Amino acid sequence: MSTDILHCDHHTAHLPKGELVDALLARAKEGGLRRTRALEDVLAILVGATRPMTLAEIAASESLASKADKATVYRLLQKLEERRILKRLGLHDRSAYYAVIFPGQHHDYLICSECGRIEELCLACPVEALEKQVADESGFTGIYHELEFFGVCPPCRQKKAGHADRP
């Protein structure tokens, strides 16, 4: 399975990694999580990543200095997702990918329904104006959206075309 991901410039790229991790640890603490070495490691790994990562990739990372086991990493990912510090991406029948949620920002994704490949959509978001209109007209605050497009990536499309040519 291909896990190539197109990396887009993030608004937080100009901030030092340590500041980003500290800000995420503060959000985790506000959400009731205890600061542990494993939590610090998981957040640092994801902040330093150029793409969303799977549980297996995070648990196997050499940057996991706490040497937390896969079950501990999984529980942390679940808790961080519940507190909207992480976003879970991917198809339900494939490995989940995790990406950090930074307040005031969002990222839209393309997901291949064949191989599970995830790419960040590097276009101006077509839903942001609608999001503002919904907030203005409804009176709701804290409006956000998540946008994922599903389809077949070019390598999978080529594989399918190659198989169609065979007798």
Protein backbone atom coordinates (compact mmCIF):
# COMPACT_ATOMS: atom_id res chain seq x y z
CA MET A 1 0.00 0.00 0.00
CA SER A 2 1.37 3.41 -0.95
CA THR A 3 1.35 6.05 1.75
CA ASP A 4 2.91 8.89 -0.23
CA ILE A 5 1.52 12.19 0.87
CA LEU A 6 1.89 15.55 -0.79
CA HIS A 7 3.19 18.02 1.81
CA CYS A 8 1.83 21.54 1.74
CA ASP A 9 3.26 24.53 3.54
CA HIS A 10 1.55 24.99 6.88
CA HIS A 11 0.90 28.30 8.59
CA THR A 12 2.78 27.00 11.63
CA ALA A 13 5.95 26.19 9.67
CA HIS A 14 7.57 29.43 10.88
CA LEU A 15 7.14 28.49 14.55
CA PRO A 16 9.77 26.39 16.34
CA LYS A 17 8.75 22.78 16.86
CA GLY A 18 9.21 23.12 20.63
CA GLU A 19 6.71 25.99 20.81
CA LEU A 20 4.15 23.99 18.84
CA VAL A 21 4.59 20.96 21.09
CA ASP A 22 4.30 23.15 24.21
CA ALA A 23 1.08 24.70 22.89
CA LEU A 24 -0.35 21.23 22.19
CA LEU A 25 0.69 20.00 25.65
CA ALA A 26 -1.14 22.99 27.17
CA ARG A 27 -4.27 22.09 25.18
CA ALA A 28 -3.93 18.47 26.33
CA LYS A 29 -3.65 19.61 29.95
CA GLU A 30 -6.75 21.81 29.54
CA GLY A 31 -8.48 18.69 28.22
CA GLY A 32 -7.59 16.77 31.38
CA LEU A 33 -4.59 14.80 30.12
CA ARG A 34 -1.59 14.30 32.35
CA ARG A 35 1.76 15.35 30.90
CA THR A 36 3.82 12.21 30.36
CA ARG A 37 6.95 11.49 28.39
CA ALA A 38 4.91 9.34 26.00
CA LEU A 39 2.45 12.21 25.38
CA GLU A 40 5.34 14.61 24.75
CA ASP A 41 6.95 12.13 22.34
CA VAL A 42 3.76 11.44 20.36
CA LEU A 43 3.02 15.14 19.92
CA ALA A 44 6.62 15.91 18.96
CA ILE A 45 6.60 13.12 16.38
CA LEU A 46 3.37 14.37 14.80
CA VAL A 47 4.45 18.04 14.85
CA GLY A 48 7.72 17.08 13.15
CA ALA A 49 6.02 14.90 10.55
CA THR A 50 5.62 16.11 6.98
CA ARG A 51 2.45 14.04 6.62
CA PRO A 52 -0.20 12.31 8.73
CA MET A 53 1.15 9.12 10.34
CA THR A 54 -0.29 5.75 11.31
CA LEU A 55 -0.24 4.22 14.78
CA ALA A 56 2.38 1.73 13.59
CA GLU A 57 4.63 4.51 12.24
CA ILE A 58 4.38 6.51 15.45
CA ALA A 59 4.97 3.47 17.70
CA ALA A 60 8.00 2.42 15.61
CA SER A 61 9.50 5.91 15.45
CA GLU A 62 13.04 6.28 16.76
CA SER A 63 11.84 9.59 18.24
CA LEU A 64 9.62 7.73 20.70
CA ALA A 65 12.17 8.15 23.48
CA SER A 66 9.72 6.96 26.13
CA LYS A 67 9.64 3.56 24.39
CA ALA A 68 5.87 3.48 25.00
CA ASP A 69 4.28 0.31 23.66
CA LYS A 70 1.79 0.32 20.80
CA ALA A 71 -1.20 0.00 23.15
CA THR A 72 -0.11 3.10 25.11
CA VAL A 73 0.41 5.07 21.90
CA TYR A 74 -3.03 3.96 20.67
CA ARG A 75 -4.71 5.10 23.90
CA LEU A 76 -2.94 8.47 23.65
CA LEU A 77 -4.04 8.91 20.04
CA GLN A 78 -7.64 8.16 21.03
CA LYS A 79 -7.55 10.64 23.91
CA LEU A 80 -5.98 13.33 21.72
CA GLU A 81 -8.60 12.73 19.03
CA GLU A 82 -11.44 12.93 21.58
CA ARG A 83 -10.10 16.32 22.69
CA ARG A 84 -9.82 17.54 19.07
CA ILE A 85 -6.04 17.88 19.28
CA LEU A 86 -5.62 15.26 16.56
CA LYS A 87 -7.66 14.40 13.52
CA ARG A 88 -8.12 10.80 12.38
CA LEU A 89 -7.97 10.34 8.61
CA GLY A 90 -8.45 7.45 6.24
CA LEU A 91 -10.86 4.79 5.15
CA HIS A 92 -12.60 2.74 7.82
CA ASP A 93 -11.22 -0.55 6.51
CA ARG A 94 -7.62 0.68 6.36
CA SER A 95 -5.07 1.97 8.84
CA ALA A 96 -5.99 5.31 10.37
CA TYR A 97 -3.69 8.26 9.91
CA TYR A 98 -3.35 10.99 12.52
CA ALA A 99 -2.62 14.68 11.99
CA VAL A 100 -2.41 17.56 14.47
CA ILE A 101 -5.25 20.08 14.55
CA PHE A 102 -3.99 23.63 15.00
CA PRO A 103 -6.61 26.19 16.11
CA GLY A 104 -7.62 28.55 13.35
CA GLN A 105 -6.30 26.23 10.64
CA HIS A 106 -7.53 23.24 8.79
CA HIS A 107 -6.31 20.99 6.05
CA ASP A 108 -8.39 19.23 3.42
CA TYR A 109 -7.39 15.82 2.06
CA LEU A 110 -7.65 13.51 -0.94
CA ILE A 111 -7.87 9.81 -0.03
CA CYS A 112 -7.44 6.95 -2.49
CA SER A 113 -10.22 4.40 -2.06
CA GLU A 114 -7.99 1.69 -3.56
CA CYS A 115 -4.65 1.93 -1.69
CA GLY A 116 -5.41 4.34 1.15
CA ARG A 117 -2.93 6.96 -0.05
CA ILE A 118 -3.57 10.36 1.56
CA GLU A 119 -2.62 13.69 0.05
CA GLU A 120 -3.23 17.11 1.47
CA LEU A 121 -5.32 19.21 -0.89
CA CYS A 122 -3.11 22.21 -1.66
CA LEU A 123 -5.80 24.53 -2.95
CA ALA A 124 -7.69 27.39 -1.40
CA CYS A 125 -10.51 25.74 0.51
CA PRO A 126 -13.79 26.13 -1.37
CA VAL A 127 -15.84 25.80 1.83
CA GLU A 128 -14.35 28.61 3.96
CA ALA A 129 -16.71 31.30 2.58
CA LEU A 130 -19.69 29.00 3.16
CA GLU A 131 -18.47 28.30 6.69
CA LYS A 132 -18.42 32.06 7.44
CA GLN A 133 -21.87 32.51 5.89
CA VAL A 134 -23.29 29.65 8.00
CA ALA A 135 -21.81 31.21 11.16
CA ASP A 136 -23.13 34.68 10.27
CA GLU A 137 -26.63 33.50 9.41
CA SER A 138 -27.07 30.88 12.13
CA GLY A 139 -25.46 32.67 15.06
CA PHE A 140 -23.37 29.59 15.79
CA THR A 141 -19.80 30.13 16.94
CA GLY A 142 -16.83 27.83 16.68
CA ILE A 143 -17.98 26.63 13.25
CA TYR A 144 -15.51 24.35 11.51
CA HIS A 145 -15.58 21.78 8.77
CA GLU A 146 -13.62 18.75 7.66
CA LEU A 147 -13.32 18.07 3.98
CA GLU A 148 -12.10 14.80 2.52
CA PHE A 149 -12.40 13.78 -1.11
CA PHE A 150 -12.28 10.10 -2.03
CA GLY A 151 -11.26 8.70 -5.39
CA VAL A 152 -8.64 6.61 -7.19
CA CYS A 153 -5.08 7.96 -7.23
CA PRO A 154 -3.03 8.03 -10.47
CA PRO A 155 -0.85 4.97 -9.60
CA CYS A 156 -3.93 2.86 -8.81
CA ARG A 157 -5.67 4.09 -11.95
CA GLN A 158 -2.61 3.04 -13.98
CA LYS A 159 -2.57 -0.38 -12.30
CA LYS A 160 -6.24 -0.87 -13.13
CA ALA A 161 -5.63 0.20 -16.74
CA GLY A 162 -2.72 -2.26 -16.96
CA HIS A 163 -4.90 -5.10 -15.68
CA ALA A 164 -7.65 -4.22 -18.16
CA ASP A 165 -5.19 -4.75 -21.02
CA ARG A 166 -4.46 -8.33 -19.94
CA PRO A 167 -6.50 -11.22 -21.37
